[in-house]
C-alpha atoms as a PDB file:
ATOM      1  CA  UNK A   1     115.881  98.529  58.335  1.00  0.00           C
ATOM      2  CA  UNK A   2     115.824  98.525  62.031  1.00  0.00           C
ATOM      3  CA  UNK A   3     116.326 101.785  63.806  1.00  0.00           C
ATOM      4  CA  UNK A   4     117.299 101.392  67.497  1.00  0.00           C
ATOM      5  CA  UNK A   5     117.065 103.976  70.192  1.00  0.00           C
ATOM      6  CA  UNK A   6     118.308 103.561  73.932  1.00  0.00           C
ATOM      7  CA  UNK A   7     115.586 103.329  76.392  1.00  0.00           C
ATOM      8  CA  UNK A   8     114.090 106.551  77.992  1.00  0.00           C
ATOM      9  CA  UNK A   9     115.830 106.036  81.159  1.00  0.00           C
ATOM     10  CA  UNK A  10     119.067 106.485  79.372  1.00  0.00           C
ATOM     11  CA  UNK A  11     117.705 109.641  77.520  1.00  0.00           C
ATOM     12  CA  UNK A  12     116.558 111.884  80.426  1.00  0.00           C
ATOM     13  CA  UNK A  13     117.196 114.962  78.566  1.00  0.00           C
ATOM     14  CA  UNK A  14     114.625 114.018  76.032  1.00  0.00           C
ATOM     15  CA  UNK A  15     111.771 113.738  78.918  1.00  0.00           C
ATOM     16  CA  UNK A  16     110.816 117.347  78.888  1.00  0.00           C
ATOM     17  CA  UNK A  17     110.323 117.498  75.079  1.00  0.00           C
ATOM     18  CA  UNK A  18     108.350 114.188  75.008  1.00  0.00           C
ATOM     19  CA  UNK A  19     106.388 115.473  77.994  1.00  0.00           C
ATOM     20  CA  UNK A  20     105.553 118.589  76.592  1.00  0.00           C
ATOM     21  CA  UNK A  21     104.525 116.996  73.261  1.00  0.00           C
ATOM     22  CA  UNK A  22     102.349 114.469  74.808  1.00  0.00           C
ATOM     23  CA  UNK A  23     100.776 117.124  77.162  1.00  0.00           C
ATOM     24  CA  UNK A  24      99.779 119.173  74.140  1.00  0.00           C
ATOM     25  CA  UNK A  25      98.519 116.323  72.198  1.00  0.00           C
ATOM     26  CA  UNK A  26      96.428 114.920  74.926  1.00  0.00           C
ATOM     27  CA  UNK A  27      95.088 118.432  76.077  1.00  0.00           C
ATOM     28  CA  UNK A  28      93.996 119.099  72.433  1.00  0.00           C
ATOM     29  CA  UNK A  29      92.157 115.741  72.225  1.00  0.00           C
ATOM     30  CA  UNK A  30      90.425 116.192  75.670  1.00  0.00           C
ATOM     31  CA  UNK A  31      89.532 120.076  75.152  1.00  0.00           C
ATOM     32  CA  UNK A  32      91.785 121.051  77.907  1.00  0.00           C
ATOM     33  CA  UNK A  33      94.346 123.786  78.280  1.00  0.00           C
ATOM     34  CA  UNK A  34      97.581 122.810  80.206  1.00  0.00           C
ATOM     35  CA  UNK A  35     100.161 125.394  80.058  1.00  0.00           C
ATOM     36  CA  UNK A  36     102.075 124.714  83.189  1.00  0.00           C
ATOM     37  CA  UNK A  37     104.202 121.806  84.348  1.00  0.00           C
ATOM     38  CA  UNK A  38     105.559 122.451  87.692  1.00  0.00           C
ATOM     39  CA  UNK A  39     109.332 121.921  88.427  1.00  0.00           C
ATOM     40  CA  UNK A  40     108.459 119.261  90.899  1.00  0.00           C
ATOM     41  CA  UNK A  41     106.610 117.180  88.384  1.00  0.00           C
ATOM     42  CA  UNK A  42     109.117 117.542  85.601  1.00  0.00           C
ATOM     43  CA  UNK A  43     111.723 116.406  88.232  1.00  0.00           C
ATOM     44  CA  UNK A  44     109.710 113.368  89.171  1.00  0.00           C
ATOM     45  CA  UNK A  45     109.370 112.361  85.489  1.00  0.00           C
ATOM     46  CA  UNK A  46     113.265 112.802  84.710  1.00  0.00           C
ATOM     47  CA  UNK A  47     114.085 110.866  87.981  1.00  0.00           C
ATOM     48  CA  UNK A  48     111.632 107.928  87.160  1.00  0.00           C
ATOM     49  CA  UNK A  49     113.285 104.841  85.652  1.00  0.00           C
ATOM     50  CA  UNK A  50     110.665 104.199  83.169  1.00  0.00           C
ATOM     51  CA  UNK A  51     110.435 100.451  82.710  1.00  0.00           C
ATOM     52  CA  UNK A  52     107.464 100.859  80.219  1.00  0.00           C
ATOM     53  CA  UNK A  53     109.478 103.396  78.247  1.00  0.00           C
ATOM     54  CA  UNK A  54     107.852 106.073  76.306  1.00  0.00           C
ATOM     55  CA  UNK A  55     104.416 104.215  76.278  1.00  0.00           C
ATOM     56  CA  UNK A  56     104.407 104.361  80.025  1.00  0.00           C
ATOM     57  CA  UNK A  57     105.351 108.195  79.891  1.00  0.00           C
ATOM     58  CA  UNK A  58     102.363 108.782  77.690  1.00  0.00           C
ATOM     59  CA  UNK A  59     100.044 106.877  79.851  1.00  0.00           C
ATOM     60  CA  UNK A  60     101.217 108.615  82.965  1.00  0.00           C
ATOM     61  CA  UNK A  61     100.686 112.148  81.381  1.00  0.00           C
ATOM     62  CA  UNK A  62      97.367 111.095  79.993  1.00  0.00           C
ATOM     63  CA  UNK A  63      96.092 110.375  83.655  1.00  0.00           C
ATOM     64  CA  UNK A  64      97.812 113.455  84.641  1.00  0.00           C
ATOM     65  CA  UNK A  65      95.977 115.647  82.170  1.00  0.00           C
ATOM     66  CA  UNK A  66      92.566 113.980  82.698  1.00  0.00           C
ATOM     67  CA  UNK A  67      92.825 114.563  86.548  1.00  0.00           C
ATOM     68  CA  UNK A  68      94.297 118.198  86.222  1.00  0.00           C
ATOM     69  CA  UNK A  69      91.845 121.052  86.419  1.00  0.00           C
ATOM     70  CA  UNK A  70      93.026 124.437  85.336  1.00  0.00           C
ATOM     71  CA  UNK A  71      96.338 125.033  83.558  1.00  0.00           C
ATOM     72  CA  UNK A  72      98.629 123.597  85.881  1.00  0.00           C
ATOM     73  CA  UNK A  73      99.478 119.673  85.389  1.00  0.00           C
ATOM     74  CA  UNK A  74      98.735 117.562  88.377  1.00  0.00           C
ATOM     75  CA  UNK A  75     100.725 114.321  88.424  1.00  0.00           C
ATOM     76  CA  UNK A  76      98.443 111.467  89.789  1.00  0.00           C
ATOM     77  CA  UNK A  77     100.740 108.598  89.618  1.00  0.00           C
ATOM     78  CA  UNK A  78     103.244 108.055  92.237  1.00  0.00           C
ATOM     79  CA  UNK A  79     106.534 107.816  90.546  1.00  0.00           C
ATOM     80  CA  UNK A  80     108.948 105.945  92.822  1.00  0.00           C
ATOM     81  CA  UNK A  81     112.565 104.604  91.970  1.00  0.00           C
ATOM     82  CA  UNK A  82     112.811 100.877  91.783  1.00  0.00           C
ATOM     83  CA  UNK A  83     114.636  99.492  95.024  1.00  0.00           C
ATOM     84  CA  UNK A  84     117.864  98.190  93.951  1.00  0.00           C
ATOM     85  CA  UNK A  85     119.525  95.617  96.413  1.00  0.00           C
ATOM     86  CA  UNK A  86     122.757  95.065  95.086  1.00  0.00           C
ATOM     87  CA  UNK A  87     123.642  92.366  97.628  1.00  0.00           C
ATOM     88  CA  UNK A  88     120.849  90.161  96.084  1.00  0.00           C
ATOM     89  CA  UNK A  89     121.648  90.776  92.441  1.00  0.00           C
ATOM     90  CA  UNK A  90     124.667  88.513  92.469  1.00  0.00           C
ATOM     91  CA  UNK A  91     123.268  85.645  94.239  1.00  0.00           C
ATOM     92  CA  UNK A  92     122.658  82.356  92.380  1.00  0.00           C
ATOM     93  CA  UNK A  93     119.264  80.587  92.384  1.00  0.00           C
ATOM     94  CA  UNK A  94     120.850  77.822  94.476  1.00  0.00           C
ATOM     95  CA  UNK A  95     121.791  80.431  97.156  1.00  0.00           C
ATOM     96  CA  UNK A  96     118.375  81.851  97.314  1.00  0.00           C
ATOM     97  CA  UNK A  97     116.736  78.330  97.478  1.00  0.00           C
ATOM     98  CA  UNK A  98     119.315  77.495 100.267  1.00  0.00           C
ATOM     99  CA  UNK A  99     118.485  80.523 102.254  1.00  0.00           C
ATOM    100  CA  UNK A 100     114.806  80.245 102.021  1.00  0.00           C
ATOM    101  CA  UNK A 101     114.746  76.659 103.039  1.00  0.00           C
ATOM    102  CA  UNK A 102     117.077  77.417 105.986  1.00  0.00           C
ATOM    103  CA  UNK A 103     114.659  80.121 106.991  1.00  0.00           C
ATOM    104  CA  UNK A 104     111.663  77.658 106.884  1.00  0.00           C
ATOM    105  CA  UNK A 105     113.417  74.924 108.767  1.00  0.00           C
ATOM    106  CA  UNK A 106     114.346  77.347 111.456  1.00  0.00           C
ATOM    107  CA  UNK A 107     110.600  78.782 111.540  1.00  0.00           C
ATOM    108  CA  UNK A 108     109.486  75.013 112.010  1.00  0.00           C
ATOM    109  CA  UNK A 109     112.235  74.196 114.584  1.00  0.00           C
ATOM    110  CA  UNK A 110     113.855  71.989 111.864  1.00  0.00           C
ATOM    111  CA  UNK A 111     110.567  69.733 111.521  1.00  0.00           C
ATOM    112  CA  UNK A 112     111.116  68.436 107.941  1.00  0.00           C
ATOM    113  CA  UNK A 113     107.797  66.486 107.610  1.00  0.00           C
ATOM    114  CA  UNK A 114     104.295  65.923 109.135  1.00  0.00           C
ATOM    115  CA  UNK A 115     101.814  68.748 110.295  1.00  0.00           C
ATOM    116  CA  UNK A 116     103.043  72.250 110.166  1.00  0.00           C
ATOM    117  CA  UNK A 117     106.423  70.986 108.920  1.00  0.00           C
ATOM    118  CA  UNK A 118     108.727  72.685 106.472  1.00  0.00           C
ATOM    119  CA  UNK A 119     107.763  70.324 103.814  1.00  0.00           C
ATOM    120  CA  UNK A 120     104.228  71.300 104.216  1.00  0.00           C
ATOM    121  CA  UNK A 121     104.876  75.069 104.199  1.00  0.00           C
ATOM    122  CA  UNK A 122     107.135  74.635 101.046  1.00  0.00           C
ATOM    123  CA  UNK A 123     104.565  72.480  99.238  1.00  0.00           C
ATOM    124  CA  UNK A 124     107.061  69.757  98.899  1.00  0.00           C
ATOM    125  CA  UNK A 125     107.089  66.074  99.377  1.00  0.00           C
ATOM    126  CA  UNK A 126     109.262  65.387 102.255  1.00  0.00           C
ATOM    127  CA  UNK A 127     111.538  63.126 100.219  1.00  0.00           C
ATOM    128  CA  UNK A 128     111.941  66.183  97.677  1.00  0.00           C
ATOM    129  CA  UNK A 129     112.716  68.433 100.511  1.00  0.00           C
ATOM    130  CA  UNK A 130     115.304  65.919 101.877  1.00  0.00           C
ATOM    131  CA  UNK A 131     116.824  65.715  98.561  1.00  0.00           C
ATOM    132  CA  UNK A 132     117.233  69.459  98.051  1.00  0.00           C
ATOM    133  CA  UNK A 133     118.585  69.810 101.496  1.00  0.00           C
ATOM    134  CA  UNK A 134     121.157  66.969 100.655  1.00  0.00           C
ATOM    135  CA  UNK A 135     121.956  68.788  97.307  1.00  0.00           C
ATOM    136  CA  UNK A 136     122.411  72.205  98.887  1.00  0.00           C
ATOM    137  CA  UNK A 137     124.236  70.801 101.790  1.00  0.00           C
ATOM    138  CA  UNK A 138     121.809  72.067 104.378  1.00  0.00           C
ATOM    139  CA  UNK A 139     122.362  70.551 107.850  1.00  0.00           C
ATOM    140  CA  UNK A 140     120.996  71.042 110.993  1.00  0.00           C
ATOM    141  CA  UNK A 141     123.137  73.233 113.252  1.00  0.00           C
END
């Protein structure tokens, strides 16, 4: 009988309860007394994306308890929001490949084969690079 829960990033209101639970559990295990979680720490915890879900939250809090001296929790992990590049999200693999090959060709002044060529930089045989250029309709401007 499977029980499914939404990811932690979709349950931000649960983070303070989970954080307090883990802080109490970890503090008791380590023989520490952490009684104060600063507002900025709780805000950072709630604003983070949590790709590792609850396990990541527990690990972050364990490191914080270990590195905290006194009753105030000190967050040691730098929790940054993931950078979302929405213009990149809707691109196909062919678009990305085409753009990258074009950049390398421009960098090499359209030198396809030989020393310091696009094929060498890309790690491709010159015939493979030419075939991809043909397939992706890449032509010298």
